[in-house]
Amino acid sequence: MDNRFLRVEEVARYMDISVPTAYKVIRRLNDELREMGYLTISGRVSRVYFEKKLYSGECA
């Protein structure tokens, strides 16, 4: 089950960005998910949604 979500350190490493910037990315993605009616976890983001946004060129 842990593989469903990325933590801030994983996002930072994956995107080669700082941890504070990774928090901003996660916050933005979670805001989008909440607007669509999904439950989110602070400091974590859905791996599927993150990869979809990143590879489609829509991510920060």
PDB file of N, CA and C in Angstrom:
ATOM      1  N   MET A   1       0.803  -1.199   0.000  1.00  0.00           N
ATOM      2  CA  MET A   1       0.000   0.000   0.000  1.00  0.00           C
ATOM      3  C   MET A   1       0.852   1.272   0.000  1.00  0.00           C
ATOM      4  N   ASP A   2       2.052   1.234   0.553  1.00  0.00           N
ATOM      5  CA  ASP A   2       2.893   2.423   0.598  1.00  0.00           C
ATOM      6  C   ASP A   2       3.242   2.948  -0.789  1.00  0.00           C
ATOM      7  N   ASN A   3       3.206   2.083  -1.796  1.00  0.00           N
ATOM      8  CA  ASN A   3       3.579   2.494  -3.139  1.00  0.00           C
ATOM      9  C   ASN A   3       2.532   3.363  -3.815  1.00  0.00           C
ATOM     10  N   ARG A   4       1.357   3.498  -3.221  1.00  0.00           N
ATOM     11  CA  ARG A   4       0.302   4.310  -3.825  1.00  0.00           C
ATOM     12  C   ARG A   4       0.579   5.800  -3.685  1.00  0.00           C
ATOM     13  N   PHE A   5       1.349   6.172  -2.697  1.00  0.00           N
ATOM     14  CA  PHE A   5       1.621   7.586  -2.425  1.00  0.00           C
ATOM     15  C   PHE A   5       3.114   7.873  -2.428  1.00  0.00           C
ATOM     16  N   LEU A   6       3.460   9.055  -2.900  1.00  0.00           N
ATOM     17  CA  LEU A   6       4.838   9.536  -2.831  1.00  0.00           C
ATOM     18  C   LEU A   6       4.952  10.508  -1.668  1.00  0.00           C
ATOM     19  N   ARG A   7       6.027  10.417  -0.930  1.00  0.00           N
ATOM     20  CA  ARG A   7       6.312  11.375   0.143  1.00  0.00           C
ATOM     21  C   ARG A   7       7.125  12.523  -0.433  1.00  0.00           C
ATOM     22  N   VAL A   8       7.234  13.580   0.321  1.00  0.00           N
ATOM     23  CA  VAL A   8       7.899  14.797  -0.168  1.00  0.00           C
ATOM     24  C   VAL A   8       9.343  14.526  -0.586  1.00  0.00           C
ATOM     25  N   GLU A   9      10.051  13.687   0.152  1.00  0.00           N
ATOM     26  CA  GLU A   9      11.441  13.394  -0.191  1.00  0.00           C
ATOM     27  C   GLU A   9      11.540  12.688  -1.540  1.00  0.00           C
ATOM     28  N   GLU A  10      10.573  11.807  -1.818  1.00  0.00           N
ATOM     29  CA  GLU A  10      10.571  11.097  -3.096  1.00  0.00           C
ATOM     30  C   GLU A  10      10.277  12.043  -4.252  1.00  0.00           C
ATOM     31  N   VAL A  11       9.332  12.963  -4.044  1.00  0.00           N
ATOM     32  CA  VAL A  11       9.011  13.944  -5.088  1.00  0.00           C
ATOM     33  C   VAL A  11      10.224  14.828  -5.355  1.00  0.00           C
ATOM     34  N   ALA A  12      10.893  15.276  -4.296  1.00  0.00           N
ATOM     35  CA  ALA A  12      12.073  16.132  -4.445  1.00  0.00           C
ATOM     36  C   ALA A  12      13.170  15.403  -5.226  1.00  0.00           C
ATOM     37  N   ARG A  13      13.413  14.165  -4.873  1.00  0.00           N
ATOM     38  CA  ARG A  13      14.449  13.370  -5.551  1.00  0.00           C
ATOM     39  C   ARG A  13      14.041  13.084  -7.000  1.00  0.00           C
ATOM     40  N   TYR A  14      12.806  12.724  -7.206  1.00  0.00           N
ATOM     41  CA  TYR A  14      12.294  12.381  -8.531  1.00  0.00           C
ATOM     42  C   TYR A  14      12.409  13.553  -9.495  1.00  0.00           C
ATOM     43  N   MET A  15      12.094  14.777  -9.001  1.00  0.00           N
ATOM     44  CA  MET A  15      12.102  15.963  -9.857  1.00  0.00           C
ATOM     45  C   MET A  15      13.407  16.751  -9.771  1.00  0.00           C
ATOM     46  N   ASP A  16      14.323  16.314  -8.890  1.00  0.00           N
ATOM     47  CA  ASP A  16      15.588  17.011  -8.660  1.00  0.00           C
ATOM     48  C   ASP A  16      15.337  18.462  -8.248  1.00  0.00           C
ATOM     49  N   ILE A  17      14.498  18.608  -7.216  1.00  0.00           N
ATOM     50  CA  ILE A  17      14.147  19.922  -6.668  1.00  0.00           C
ATOM     51  C   ILE A  17      14.340  19.883  -5.159  1.00  0.00           C
ATOM     52  N   SER A  18      14.263  21.051  -4.534  1.00  0.00           N
ATOM     53  CA  SER A  18      14.413  21.119  -3.079  1.00  0.00           C
ATOM     54  C   SER A  18      13.152  20.590  -2.399  1.00  0.00           C
ATOM     55  N   VAL A  19      13.290  20.225  -1.135  1.00  0.00           N
ATOM     56  CA  VAL A  19      12.155  19.734  -0.358  1.00  0.00           C
ATOM     57  C   VAL A  19      11.061  20.809  -0.237  1.00  0.00           C
ATOM     58  N   PRO A  20      11.399  22.081   0.055  1.00  0.00           N
ATOM     59  CA  PRO A  20      10.334  23.090   0.113  1.00  0.00           C
ATOM     60  C   PRO A  20       9.569  23.230  -1.208  1.00  0.00           C
ATOM     61  N   THR A  21      10.260  23.117  -2.326  1.00  0.00           N
ATOM     62  CA  THR A  21       9.587  23.187  -3.621  1.00  0.00           C
ATOM     63  C   THR A  21       8.727  21.952  -3.839  1.00  0.00           C
ATOM     64  N   ALA A  22       9.194  20.807  -3.386  1.00  0.00           N
ATOM     65  CA  ALA A  22       8.405  19.573  -3.497  1.00  0.00           C
ATOM     66  C   ALA A  22       7.114  19.691  -2.700  1.00  0.00           C
ATOM     67  N   TYR A  23       7.174  20.331  -1.528  1.00  0.00           N
ATOM     68  CA  TYR A  23       5.955  20.564  -0.750  1.00  0.00           C
ATOM     69  C   TYR A  23       4.965  21.405  -1.548  1.00  0.00           C
ATOM     70  N   LYS A  24       5.451  22.399  -2.266  1.00  0.00           N
ATOM     71  CA  LYS A  24       4.580  23.246  -3.083  1.00  0.00           C
ATOM     72  C   LYS A  24       3.931  22.452  -4.206  1.00  0.00           C
ATOM     73  N   VAL A  25       4.711  21.574  -4.831  1.00  0.00           N
ATOM     74  CA  VAL A  25       4.178  20.734  -5.899  1.00  0.00           C
ATOM     75  C   VAL A  25       3.095  19.822  -5.345  1.00  0.00           C
ATOM     76  N   ILE A  26       3.371  19.179  -4.223  1.00  0.00           N
ATOM     77  CA  ILE A  26       2.397  18.281  -3.600  1.00  0.00           C
ATOM     78  C   ILE A  26       1.138  19.043  -3.214  1.00  0.00           C
ATOM     79  N   ARG A  27       1.304  20.220  -2.643  1.00  0.00           N
ATOM     80  CA  ARG A  27       0.155  21.026  -2.237  1.00  0.00           C
ATOM     81  C   ARG A  27      -0.714  21.361  -3.451  1.00  0.00           C
ATOM     82  N   ARG A  28      -0.070  21.749  -4.540  1.00  0.00           N
ATOM     83  CA  ARG A  28      -0.805  22.098  -5.769  1.00  0.00           C
ATOM     84  C   ARG A  28      -1.570  20.890  -6.307  1.00  0.00           C
ATOM     85  N   LEU A  29      -0.898  19.753  -6.382  1.00  0.00           N
ATOM     86  CA  LEU A  29      -1.556  18.554  -6.895  1.00  0.00           C
ATOM     87  C   LEU A  29      -2.696  18.106  -5.980  1.00  0.00           C
ATOM     88  N   ASN A  30      -2.481  18.177  -4.672  1.00  0.00           N
ATOM     89  CA  ASN A  30      -3.534  17.798  -3.730  1.00  0.00           C
ATOM     90  C   ASN A  30      -4.720  18.756  -3.798  1.00  0.00           C
ATOM     91  N   ASP A  31      -4.454  20.041  -4.039  1.00  0.00           N
ATOM     92  CA  ASP A  31      -5.554  21.003  -4.214  1.00  0.00           C
ATOM     93  C   ASP A  31      -6.400  20.608  -5.418  1.00  0.00           C
ATOM     94  N   GLU A  32      -5.739  20.213  -6.512  1.00  0.00           N
ATOM     95  CA  GLU A  32      -6.462  19.782  -7.714  1.00  0.00           C
ATOM     96  C   GLU A  32      -7.290  18.530  -7.421  1.00  0.00           C
ATOM     97  N   LEU A  33      -6.699  17.584  -6.701  1.00  0.00           N
ATOM     98  CA  LEU A  33      -7.417  16.352  -6.374  1.00  0.00           C
ATOM     99  C   LEU A  33      -8.622  16.634  -5.488  1.00  0.00           C
ATOM    100  N   ARG A  34      -8.465  17.537  -4.492  1.00  0.00           N
ATOM    101  CA  ARG A  34      -9.580  17.893  -3.613  1.00  0.00           C
ATOM    102  C   ARG A  34     -10.722  18.530  -4.397  1.00  0.00           C
ATOM    103  N   GLU A  35     -10.372  19.383  -5.373  1.00  0.00           N
ATOM    104  CA  GLU A  35     -11.397  20.018  -6.204  1.00  0.00           C
ATOM    105  C   GLU A  35     -12.193  18.983  -7.001  1.00  0.00           C
ATOM    106  N   MET A  36     -11.568  17.853  -7.307  1.00  0.00           N
ATOM    107  CA  MET A  36     -12.236  16.773  -8.037  1.00  0.00           C
ATOM    108  C   MET A  36     -12.984  15.832  -7.088  1.00  0.00           C
ATOM    109  N   GLY A  37     -12.905  16.117  -5.788  1.00  0.00           N
ATOM    110  CA  GLY A  37     -13.646  15.331  -4.809  1.00  0.00           C
ATOM    111  C   GLY A  37     -12.876  14.193  -4.167  1.00  0.00           C
ATOM    112  N   TYR A  38     -11.571  14.131  -4.382  1.00  0.00           N
ATOM    113  CA  TYR A  38     -10.765  13.065  -3.786  1.00  0.00           C
ATOM    114  C   TYR A  38     -10.267  13.458  -2.402  1.00  0.00           C
ATOM    115  N   LEU A  39     -10.081  12.467  -1.574  1.00  0.00           N
ATOM    116  CA  LEU A  39      -9.482  12.642  -0.256  1.00  0.00           C
ATOM    117  C   LEU A  39      -7.969  12.697  -0.433  1.00  0.00           C
ATOM    118  N   THR A  40      -7.301  13.634   0.230  1.00  0.00           N
ATOM    119  CA  THR A  40      -5.845  13.753   0.104  1.00  0.00           C
ATOM    120  C   THR A  40      -5.184  13.647   1.470  1.00  0.00           C
ATOM    121  N   ILE A  41      -3.889  13.398   1.448  1.00  0.00           N
ATOM    122  CA  ILE A  41      -3.090  13.306   2.663  1.00  0.00           C
ATOM    123  C   ILE A  41      -2.001  14.366   2.577  1.00  0.00           C
ATOM    124  N   SER A  42      -1.928  15.226   3.560  1.00  0.00           N
ATOM    125  CA  SER A  42      -0.937  16.294   3.579  1.00  0.00           C
ATOM    126  C   SER A  42       0.473  15.713   3.538  1.00  0.00           C
ATOM    127  N   GLY A  43       1.312  16.263   2.653  1.00  0.00           N
ATOM    128  CA  GLY A  43       2.697  15.817   2.552  1.00  0.00           C
ATOM    129  C   GLY A  43       2.893  14.580   1.697  1.00  0.00           C
ATOM    130  N   ARG A  44       1.804  14.064   1.119  1.00  0.00           N
ATOM    131  CA  ARG A  44       1.880  12.902   0.230  1.00  0.00           C
ATOM    132  C   ARG A  44       0.989  13.163  -0.970  1.00  0.00           C
ATOM    133  N   VAL A  45       1.314  12.513  -2.069  1.00  0.00           N
ATOM    134  CA  VAL A  45       0.516  12.667  -3.279  1.00  0.00           C
ATOM    135  C   VAL A  45       0.373  11.306  -3.953  1.00  0.00           C
ATOM    136  N   SER A  46      -0.751  11.115  -4.601  1.00  0.00           N
ATOM    137  CA  SER A  46      -0.991   9.886  -5.345  1.00  0.00           C
ATOM    138  C   SER A  46       0.106   9.708  -6.392  1.00  0.00           C
ATOM    139  N   ARG A  47       0.736   8.554  -6.381  1.00  0.00           N
ATOM    140  CA  ARG A  47       1.794   8.250  -7.354  1.00  0.00           C
ATOM    141  C   ARG A  47       1.232   8.308  -8.775  1.00  0.00           C
ATOM    142  N   VAL A  48       0.053   7.750  -8.996  1.00  0.00           N
ATOM    143  CA  VAL A  48      -0.560   7.721 -10.325  1.00  0.00           C
ATOM    144  C   VAL A  48      -0.828   9.141 -10.818  1.00  0.00           C
ATOM    145  N   TYR A  49      -1.421   9.980  -9.957  1.00  0.00           N
ATOM    146  CA  TYR A  49      -1.741  11.345 -10.366  1.00  0.00           C
ATOM    147  C   TYR A  49      -0.464  12.153 -10.614  1.00  0.00           C
ATOM    148  N   PHE A  50       0.520  11.991  -9.750  1.00  0.00           N
ATOM    149  CA  PHE A  50       1.793  12.690  -9.909  1.00  0.00           C
ATOM    150  C   PHE A  50       2.432  12.351 -11.257  1.00  0.00           C
ATOM    151  N   GLU A  51       2.508  11.061 -11.571  1.00  0.00           N
ATOM    152  CA  GLU A  51       3.135  10.646 -12.824  1.00  0.00           C
ATOM    153  C   GLU A  51       2.332  11.102 -14.030  1.00  0.00           C
ATOM    154  N   LYS A  52       1.016  11.063 -13.922  1.00  0.00           N
ATOM    155  CA  LYS A  52       0.172  11.540 -15.014  1.00  0.00           C
ATOM    156  C   LYS A  52       0.441  13.019 -15.286  1.00  0.00           C
ATOM    157  N   LYS A  53       0.472  13.826 -14.240  1.00  0.00           N
ATOM    158  CA  LYS A  53       0.691  15.260 -14.395  1.00  0.00           C
ATOM    159  C   LYS A  53       2.112  15.561 -14.865  1.00  0.00           C
ATOM    160  N   LEU A  54       3.077  14.836 -14.352  1.00  0.00           N
ATOM    161  CA  LEU A  54       4.476  15.070 -14.709  1.00  0.00           C
ATOM    162  C   LEU A  54       4.739  14.710 -16.169  1.00  0.00           C
ATOM    163  N   TYR A  55       4.289  13.554 -16.588  1.00  0.00           N
ATOM    164  CA  TYR A  55       4.597  13.088 -17.941  1.00  0.00           C
ATOM    165  C   TYR A  55       3.725  13.719 -19.013  1.00  0.00           C
ATOM    166  N   SER A  56       2.618  14.320 -18.606  1.00  0.00           N
ATOM    167  CA  SER A  56       1.774  15.000 -19.590  1.00  0.00           C
ATOM    168  C   SER A  56       2.225  16.441 -19.779  1.00  0.00           C
ATOM    169  N   GLY A  57       3.192  16.882 -18.955  1.00  0.00           N
ATOM    170  CA  GLY A  57       3.711  18.251 -19.063  1.00  0.00           C
ATOM    171  C   GLY A  57       2.870  19.275 -18.336  1.00  0.00           C
ATOM    172  N   GLU A  58       1.943  18.826 -17.489  1.00  0.00           N
ATOM    173  CA  GLU A  58       1.050  19.741 -16.791  1.00  0.00           C
ATOM    174  C   GLU A  58       1.529  20.105 -15.389  1.00  0.00           C
ATOM    175  N   CYS A  59       2.602  19.493 -14.916  1.00  0.00           N
ATOM    176  CA  CYS A  59       3.063  19.685 -13.536  1.00  0.00           C
ATOM    177  C   CYS A  59       3.996  20.884 -13.448  1.00  0.00           C
ATOM    178  N   ALA A  60       4.076  21.450 -12.254  1.00  0.00           N
ATOM    179  CA  ALA A  60       4.938  22.620 -12.007  1.00  0.00           C
ATOM    180  C   ALA A  60       6.389  22.310 -12.259  1.00  0.00           C
TER     181      ALA A  60
END
